[in-house]
């Protein structure tokens, strides 16, 4: 038989064998990496702990009420408003409170230095508890020996002071009357008990009452200024309703 009639035996290429071996190795490595993943090489970062420090100056941030209280104190006590730099360090709410408190305190402080004007018979009470009431009791006729000027009308007034303070009170003031553009004149009439304001001390919780008479030009146009002492603002009583402040 001719050797050319035998089937050919072709050897497997060496390149394919190498490729198959490589693919097998890659598959093996992949399987291993899935089963046991390798942790990444990460360098840990040092952690730092921050602690908030609280400022000792708690007024840098305040509430509306705190601002109101401080503003009121400035308005009523010093009468001097804090500068813009002072307020800019506060919160908006604090500043609003400060402004409101300042306005209220300032208004009350200014009102306290003005003479309150009221009607006869209306009690006037000061912050320390002292109370004054003056009533217009109407006409009277001075006695023959009374010390008084020549007026068409004489009016009698009753004064009552109640000492609601914690100290003894003594009158040291004066009373002035104007009527229809002219000054009135006080009546001194011992026979009827008109002798000016008493100077006797009044203990806390006690009251004192006295009467004074004045000659006036027109009882319908009457204004009386009462000064009890140097420690309390004067009170103005008047028949002119438009002038009343309380």
Foldseek 3Di string as FASTA:
>chain_A
DDPVVDDDDDDDDPVVVVVVVVVVVVVVVVVVCVVPPDDDDDDDDDDDDDDDDDDPPPQLEDALQVLLVVLLCCQQPVVDDDDPVVLVSYDPRSPVSNVNNVVVNNVVNVVQQDAAEEAAQDWDADPQGKIKHKHWPAFDDADPPKDADDAPTKTKMKMKIAAQHQAKDFFDWAKWKAFPHHTKIKIDHVVVQAHGDDGDIAHHGGMDMGMIMIGYHDPQFMKMWDDRDDPHHIYIHTNDPVRHPD
